[in-house]
């Protein structure tokens, strides 16, 4: 029986470009779990906070700030 030829990193990246963003996010999370292992309670708190913030943006309760404006604010704060 022939064993499958493993995909190259470039092939994996190209394949994931066709995936829905939530699946790419899940893949990244699973691949980096061990690199960024932390307290499960902290992780749960962050998930709750992220969910809350996304819901606020999606509902229109809060509005995001465009990247260019955010960077300009940061530059002003740090004096650049």
Protein backbone atom coordinates (compact mmCIF):
# COMPACT_ATOMS: atom_id res chain seq x y z
CA UNK A 1 0.00 0.00 0.00
CA UNK A 2 1.33 3.44 -0.93
CA UNK A 3 1.52 6.05 1.76
CA UNK A 4 0.22 9.50 0.86
CA UNK A 5 2.73 12.17 -0.05
CA UNK A 6 2.65 14.85 2.62
CA UNK A 7 1.61 18.35 1.57
CA UNK A 8 4.20 21.07 1.51
CA UNK A 9 3.74 24.13 3.69
CA UNK A 10 2.95 26.18 0.58
CA UNK A 11 0.28 23.67 -0.43
CA UNK A 12 -1.28 23.81 3.03
CA UNK A 13 -1.34 27.62 2.97
CA UNK A 14 -2.88 27.65 -0.50
CA UNK A 15 -5.51 25.10 0.53
CA UNK A 16 -6.51 27.09 3.62
CA UNK A 17 -7.01 30.26 1.52
CA UNK A 18 -10.23 28.63 0.32
CA UNK A 19 -11.52 27.89 3.83
CA UNK A 20 -14.03 30.01 5.73
CA UNK A 21 -12.30 32.42 8.15
CA UNK A 22 -13.67 30.65 11.23
CA UNK A 23 -12.09 27.37 10.12
CA UNK A 24 -8.74 29.06 9.51
CA UNK A 25 -8.99 30.59 12.98
CA UNK A 26 -9.73 27.20 14.48
CA UNK A 27 -6.73 25.68 12.70
CA UNK A 28 -4.42 28.44 13.93
CA UNK A 29 -5.74 28.06 17.47
CA UNK A 30 -5.21 24.31 17.45
CA UNK A 31 -1.71 24.60 16.00
CA UNK A 32 -0.63 27.20 18.54
CA UNK A 33 -2.30 25.71 21.62
CA UNK A 34 0.90 24.21 22.97
CA UNK A 35 2.96 27.28 22.15
CA UNK A 36 0.72 29.55 24.15
CA UNK A 37 -0.49 27.26 26.91
CA UNK A 38 -2.01 29.23 29.74
CA UNK A 39 -4.47 29.00 32.56
CA UNK A 40 -7.80 27.54 31.33
CA UNK A 41 -9.72 30.11 33.39
CA UNK A 42 -7.87 32.95 31.67
CA UNK A 43 -8.53 31.40 28.26
CA UNK A 44 -12.24 31.06 29.08
CA UNK A 45 -12.38 34.68 30.23
CA UNK A 46 -10.74 35.85 26.99
CA UNK A 47 -13.16 33.80 24.88
CA UNK A 48 -16.07 35.39 26.74
CA UNK A 49 -14.62 38.87 26.24
CA UNK A 50 -13.93 38.28 22.54
CA UNK A 51 -17.45 36.96 22.00
CA UNK A 52 -18.91 40.00 23.78
CA UNK A 53 -16.86 42.43 21.68
CA UNK A 54 -17.72 40.72 18.39
CA UNK A 55 -21.43 40.73 19.30
CA UNK A 56 -21.25 44.46 20.13
CA UNK A 57 -19.71 45.22 16.74
CA UNK A 58 -22.09 42.97 14.81
CA UNK A 59 -25.14 44.42 16.55
CA UNK A 60 -24.01 47.99 15.87
CA UNK A 61 -23.78 48.81 19.57
CA UNK A 62 -20.16 49.88 19.03
CA UNK A 63 -18.34 50.83 15.86
CA UNK A 64 -14.83 49.82 14.95
CA UNK A 65 -12.08 52.33 14.27
CA UNK A 66 -10.44 52.16 10.83
CA UNK A 67 -6.86 50.89 10.93
CA UNK A 68 -5.38 54.11 9.54
CA UNK A 69 -7.07 56.16 12.24
CA UNK A 70 -5.97 53.74 14.95
CA UNK A 71 -2.36 53.87 13.77
CA UNK A 72 -2.46 57.68 13.64
CA UNK A 73 -3.70 57.76 17.25
CA UNK A 74 -0.93 55.39 18.34
CA UNK A 75 1.72 57.44 16.54
CA UNK A 76 0.46 60.58 18.28
CA UNK A 77 0.58 58.87 21.68
CA UNK A 78 4.13 57.56 21.20
CA UNK A 79 5.28 60.80 19.59
CA UNK A 80 6.13 59.62 16.08
